[in-house]
C-alpha atoms as a PDB file:
ATOM      1  CA  MET A   1     132.352  85.736 124.254  1.00  0.00           C
ATOM      2  CA  SER A   2     134.736  85.736 127.236  1.00  0.00           C
ATOM      3  CA  TYR A   3     134.111  84.313 130.666  1.00  0.00           C
ATOM      4  CA  ILE A   4     135.924  84.619 133.965  1.00  0.00           C
ATOM      5  CA  ILE A   5     136.285  81.614 136.270  1.00  0.00           C
ATOM      6  CA  LEU A   6     136.201  82.525 139.945  1.00  0.00           C
ATOM      7  CA  HIS A   7     137.791  80.119 142.418  1.00  0.00           C
ATOM      8  CA  LEU A   8     136.844  81.326 145.880  1.00  0.00           C
ATOM      9  CA  PRO A   9     137.791  79.706 149.191  1.00  0.00           C
ATOM     10  CA  ILE A  10     135.114  79.189 151.844  1.00  0.00           C
ATOM     11  CA  SER A  11     135.944  80.329 155.342  1.00  0.00           C
ATOM     12  CA  SER A  12     135.418  77.868 158.195  1.00  0.00           C
ATOM     13  CA  SER A  13     132.833  80.137 159.830  1.00  0.00           C
ATOM     14  CA  GLY A  14     130.563  79.688 156.814  1.00  0.00           C
ATOM     15  CA  GLY A  15     130.361  83.450 156.251  1.00  0.00           C
ATOM     16  CA  GLY A  16     132.295  83.294 152.972  1.00  0.00           C
ATOM     17  CA  ILE A  17     134.783  85.839 151.727  1.00  0.00           C
ATOM     18  CA  LEU A  18     134.613  89.131 153.616  1.00  0.00           C
ATOM     19  CA  GLY A  19     131.499  87.935 155.401  1.00  0.00           C
ATOM     20  CA  GLN A  20     129.513  87.575 152.143  1.00  0.00           C
ATOM     21  CA  LYS A  21     127.434  84.499 151.496  1.00  0.00           C
ATOM     22  CA  VAL A  22     128.507  82.627 148.419  1.00  0.00           C
ATOM     23  CA  ALA A  23     126.561  80.148 146.305  1.00  0.00           C
ATOM     24  CA  LYS A  24     127.977  76.799 145.277  1.00  0.00           C
ATOM     25  CA  CYS A  25     127.861  75.970 141.598  1.00  0.00           C
ATOM     26  CA  LYS A  26     129.273  72.520 140.695  1.00  0.00           C
ATOM     27  CA  GLU A  27     132.273  72.638 143.032  1.00  0.00           C
ATOM     28  CA  LYS A  28     133.180  76.240 142.129  1.00  0.00           C
ATOM     29  CA  LEU A  29     132.062  79.282 144.070  1.00  0.00           C
ATOM     30  CA  ILE A  30     130.616  82.453 142.656  1.00  0.00           C
ATOM     31  CA  PHE A  31     129.260  85.651 144.172  1.00  0.00           C
ATOM     32  CA  PRO A  32     125.508  85.581 144.944  1.00  0.00           C
ATOM     33  CA  SER A  33     124.704  88.164 142.238  1.00  0.00           C
ATOM     34  CA  ALA A  34     126.141  85.944 139.507  1.00  0.00           C
ATOM     35  CA  ALA A  35     124.206  83.057 138.009  1.00  0.00           C
ATOM     36  CA  CYS A  36     125.591  79.608 137.294  1.00  0.00           C
ATOM     37  CA  VAL A  37     126.570  79.717 133.637  1.00  0.00           C
ATOM     38  CA  ASN A  38     128.214  76.750 131.908  1.00  0.00           C
ATOM     39  CA  SER A  39     128.958  75.008 135.219  1.00  0.00           C
ATOM     40  CA  GLN A  40     131.426  77.545 136.638  1.00  0.00           C
ATOM     41  CA  LEU A  41     131.740  80.504 134.322  1.00  0.00           C
ATOM     42  CA  VAL A  42     130.694  84.069 135.015  1.00  0.00           C
ATOM     43  CA  LYS A  43     129.978  86.467 132.139  1.00  0.00           C
ATOM     44  CA  PRO A  44     131.868  89.779 132.490  1.00  0.00           C
ATOM     45  CA  LYS A  45     129.825  92.961 132.638  1.00  0.00           C
ATOM     46  CA  PHE A  46     130.633  95.903 130.342  1.00  0.00           C
ATOM     47  CA  GLY A  47     134.429  95.303 130.256  1.00  0.00           C
ATOM     48  CA  LEU A  48     134.800  94.946 126.514  1.00  0.00           C
ATOM     49  CA  TYR A  49     131.979  97.399 125.847  1.00  0.00           C
ATOM     50  CA  ARG A  50     133.637 100.101 127.970  1.00  0.00           C
ATOM     51  CA  PHE A  51     137.014  99.474 126.364  1.00  0.00           C
ATOM     52  CA  LEU A  52     135.561  99.796 122.855  1.00  0.00           C
ATOM     53  CA  MET A  53     133.647 102.937 123.805  1.00  0.00           C
ATOM     54  CA  VAL A  54     136.834 104.533 125.177  1.00  0.00           C
ATOM     55  CA  ILE A  55     138.693 103.670 121.958  1.00  0.00           C
ATOM     56  CA  ILE A  56     135.890 105.131 119.819  1.00  0.00           C
ATOM     57  CA  VAL A  57     135.762 108.343 121.861  1.00  0.00           C
ATOM     58  CA  VAL A  58     139.559 108.745 121.724  1.00  0.00           C
ATOM     59  CA  LEU A  59     139.599 108.200 117.947  1.00  0.00           C
ATOM     60  CA  PHE A  60     136.761 110.693 117.534  1.00  0.00           C
ATOM     61  CA  LEU A  61     138.594 113.324 119.586  1.00  0.00           C
ATOM     62  CA  ILE A  62     141.848 112.806 117.692  1.00  0.00           C
ATOM     63  CA  SER A  63     140.135 113.051 114.304  1.00  0.00           C
ATOM     64  CA  THR A  64     138.231 116.160 115.398  1.00  0.00           C
ATOM     65  CA  PHE A  65     141.487 117.777 116.521  1.00  0.00           C
ATOM     66  CA  LEU A  66     143.251 116.903 113.256  1.00  0.00           C
ATOM     67  CA  ILE A  67     140.423 118.224 111.108  1.00  0.00           C
ATOM     68  CA  THR A  68     140.251 121.443 113.128  1.00  0.00           C
ATOM     69  CA  PHE A  69     144.029 121.818 112.962  1.00  0.00           C
ATOM     70  CA  HIS A  70     144.009 121.280 109.189  1.00  0.00           C
ATOM     71  CA  LEU A  71     141.184 123.758 108.673  1.00  0.00           C
ATOM     72  CA  ALA A  72     143.008 126.334 110.802  1.00  0.00           C
ATOM     73  CA  LYS A  73     146.085 125.991 108.603  1.00  0.00           C
ATOM     74  CA  MET A  74     143.954 126.243 105.492  1.00  0.00           C
ATOM     75  CA  SER A  75     142.641 129.570 106.741  1.00  0.00           C
ATOM     76  CA  ASP A  76     146.168 131.074 106.690  1.00  0.00           C
ATOM     77  CA  PRO A  77     145.920 133.700 103.899  1.00  0.00           C
ATOM     78  CA  TYR A  78     149.427 133.019 102.565  1.00  0.00           C
ATOM     79  CA  ILE A  79     148.867 129.255 102.321  1.00  0.00           C
ATOM     80  CA  LYS A  80     145.388 129.732 100.882  1.00  0.00           C
ATOM     81  CA  GLU A  81     146.716 132.038  98.149  1.00  0.00           C
ATOM     82  CA  VAL A  82     149.659 129.751  97.271  1.00  0.00           C
ATOM     83  CA  LEU A  83     147.382 126.713  96.985  1.00  0.00           C
ATOM     84  CA  SER A  84     145.022 128.615  94.688  1.00  0.00           C
ATOM     85  CA  LEU A  85     147.796 129.303  92.133  1.00  0.00           C
ATOM     86  CA  GLN A  86     149.124 127.088  89.355  1.00  0.00           C
ATOM     87  CA  GLY A  87     152.868 126.537  89.725  1.00  0.00           C
ATOM     88  CA  ASN A  88     155.504 126.231  87.030  1.00  0.00           C
ATOM     89  CA  VAL A  89     158.070 123.428  87.436  1.00  0.00           C
ATOM     90  CA  SER A  90     160.902 125.146  85.536  1.00  0.00           C
ATOM     91  CA  ARG A  91     160.541 128.362  87.541  1.00  0.00           C
ATOM     92  CA  GLY A  92     160.367 126.235  90.692  1.00  0.00           C
ATOM     93  CA  TYR A  93     163.653 124.603  89.671  1.00  0.00           C
ATOM     94  CA  GLU A  94     165.265 128.037  89.257  1.00  0.00           C
ATOM     95  CA  ILE A  95     164.015 129.174  92.673  1.00  0.00           C
ATOM     96  CA  PHE A  96     165.305 125.933  94.198  1.00  0.00           C
ATOM     97  CA  GLN A  97     168.766 126.369  92.627  1.00  0.00           C
ATOM     98  CA  ILE A  98     169.059 129.946  93.939  1.00  0.00           C
ATOM     99  CA  ASN A  99     167.699 129.406  97.463  1.00  0.00           C
ATOM    100  CA  CYS A 100     167.858 125.707  98.377  1.00  0.00           C
ATOM    101  CA  ALA A 101     170.514 123.824  96.389  1.00  0.00           C
ATOM    102  CA  ALA A 102     173.420 124.934  98.592  1.00  0.00           C
ATOM    103  CA  CYS A 103     172.073 122.783 101.455  1.00  0.00           C
ATOM    104  CA  HIS A 104     169.802 120.272  99.730  1.00  0.00           C
ATOM    105  CA  GLY A 105     172.049 119.628  96.719  1.00  0.00           C
ATOM    106  CA  GLN A 106     171.743 120.544  93.068  1.00  0.00           C
ATOM    107  CA  PHE A 107     169.439 117.588  92.502  1.00  0.00           C
ATOM    108  CA  ALA A 108     167.751 117.759  95.938  1.00  0.00           C
ATOM    109  CA  ASP A 109     169.610 114.622  97.040  1.00  0.00           C
ATOM    110  CA  GLY A 110     170.839 116.188 100.279  1.00  0.00           C
ATOM    111  CA  ILE A 111     174.103 117.741 101.452  1.00  0.00           C
ATOM    112  CA  VAL A 112     173.724 119.650 104.735  1.00  0.00           C
ATOM    113  CA  GLY A 113     169.940 119.515 104.530  1.00  0.00           C
ATOM    114  CA  PRO A 114     168.061 116.249 103.969  1.00  0.00           C
ATOM    115  CA  SER A 115     167.277 114.729 100.613  1.00  0.00           C
ATOM    116  CA  LEU A 116     164.037 116.060  99.192  1.00  0.00           C
ATOM    117  CA  GLU A 117     163.466 113.201  96.794  1.00  0.00           C
ATOM    118  CA  ASP A 118     159.862 112.026  97.158  1.00  0.00           C
ATOM    119  CA  VAL A 119     159.294 114.711  99.808  1.00  0.00           C
ATOM    120  CA  SER A 120     155.682 115.108  98.673  1.00  0.00           C
ATOM    121  CA  HIS A 121     155.073 111.511  99.801  1.00  0.00           C
ATOM    122  CA  ARG A 122     156.299 112.370 103.303  1.00  0.00           C
ATOM    123  CA  LYS A 123     154.754 115.819 103.726  1.00  0.00           C
ATOM    124  CA  SER A 124     151.487 117.406 102.681  1.00  0.00           C
ATOM    125  CA  ARG A 125     151.373 120.522 100.504  1.00  0.00           C
ATOM    126  CA  ILE A 126     150.576 122.618 103.573  1.00  0.00           C
ATOM    127  CA  SER A 127     153.482 121.097 105.515  1.00  0.00           C
ATOM    128  CA  LEU A 128     155.865 121.793 102.652  1.00  0.00           C
ATOM    129  CA  ILE A 129     154.799 125.438 102.505  1.00  0.00           C
ATOM    130  CA  GLU A 130     155.099 125.792 106.282  1.00  0.00           C
ATOM    131  CA  GLN A 131     158.558 124.207 106.269  1.00  0.00           C
ATOM    132  CA  VAL A 132     159.792 126.657 103.649  1.00  0.00           C
ATOM    133  CA  ILE A 133     158.331 129.797 105.215  1.00  0.00           C
ATOM    134  CA  SER A 134     159.030 128.989 108.857  1.00  0.00           C
ATOM    135  CA  GLY A 135     162.445 127.352 108.787  1.00  0.00           C
ATOM    136  CA  LYS A 136     161.175 125.082 111.595  1.00  0.00           C
ATOM    137  CA  THR A 137     164.206 122.835 111.506  1.00  0.00           C
ATOM    138  CA  PRO A 138     167.460 124.728 112.012  1.00  0.00           C
ATOM    139  CA  PRO A 139     169.740 125.477 110.262  1.00  0.00           C
ATOM    140  CA  MET A 140     167.098 126.047 107.568  1.00  0.00           C
ATOM    141  CA  PRO A 141     166.448 129.777 107.306  1.00  0.00           C
ATOM    142  CA  LYS A 142     163.022 131.352 107.046  1.00  0.00           C
ATOM    143  CA  PHE A 143     162.187 132.032 103.443  1.00  0.00           C
ATOM    144  CA  GLN A 144     158.935 133.641 102.324  1.00  0.00           C
ATOM    145  CA  PRO A 145     158.791 134.036  98.589  1.00  0.00           C
ATOM    146  CA  ASP A 146     155.864 135.768  96.933  1.00  0.00           C
ATOM    147  CA  TYR A 147     152.768 133.668  96.298  1.00  0.00           C
ATOM    148  CA  GLN A 148     153.622 132.684  92.732  1.00  0.00           C
ATOM    149  CA  ALA A 149     157.245 131.821  93.523  1.00  0.00           C
ATOM    150  CA  MET A 150     156.085 129.575  96.392  1.00  0.00           C
ATOM    151  CA  ALA A 151     153.534 127.886  94.099  1.00  0.00           C
ATOM    152  CA  ASP A 152     156.326 127.276  91.556  1.00  0.00           C
ATOM    153  CA  LEU A 153     158.666 125.870  94.223  1.00  0.00           C
ATOM    154  CA  LEU A 154     155.875 123.677  95.588  1.00  0.00           C
ATOM    155  CA  VAL A 155     155.203 122.148  92.157  1.00  0.00           C
ATOM    156  CA  TYR A 156     158.932 121.528  91.700  1.00  0.00           C
ATOM    157  CA  LEU A 157     159.185 119.807  95.100  1.00  0.00           C
ATOM    158  CA  GLU A 158     156.138 117.664  94.318  1.00  0.00           C
ATOM    159  CA  ASN A 159     157.779 116.505  91.096  1.00  0.00           C
ATOM    160  CA  LEU A 160     161.041 115.383  92.707  1.00  0.00           C
ATOM    161  CA  SER A 161     161.431 111.626  92.628  1.00  0.00           C
ATOM    162  CA  LYS A 162     164.187 109.089  93.084  1.00  0.00           C
ATOM    163  CA  ASN A 163     165.758 108.006  89.837  1.00  0.00           C
END
């Protein structure tokens, strides 16, 4: 539990600070509404409680936003269809070699584009799909393969790992 010590000067007119009467509590002065606690300590009101409540509300709002945002992305018909399909790693490799290897390297270790090794640890499945179909980071072009080809590419990307 925290306490605040108040050291208040007494004015010579006896009116106290800003004309308020103050009570003496073992050589220290406190406002009249406060009680003498542990000789000269005043217990704070609601400071920590308010701070914790603000933190809880902020965390709740952030989590609500993230869940809503995720659900909105899950409702995208293209993403929903791709995630419902089973991908094939070898076909994903072929798609990668045709469309991605020029920038990301034959082994996805990066040339012009970044290395994609362990990319599934840095991005979610939805983020990977969005990156491929939107080309959000130039100079990456937009690329929207059919559902099965995207599912194959996604499985290939998820299986990339550093050797």
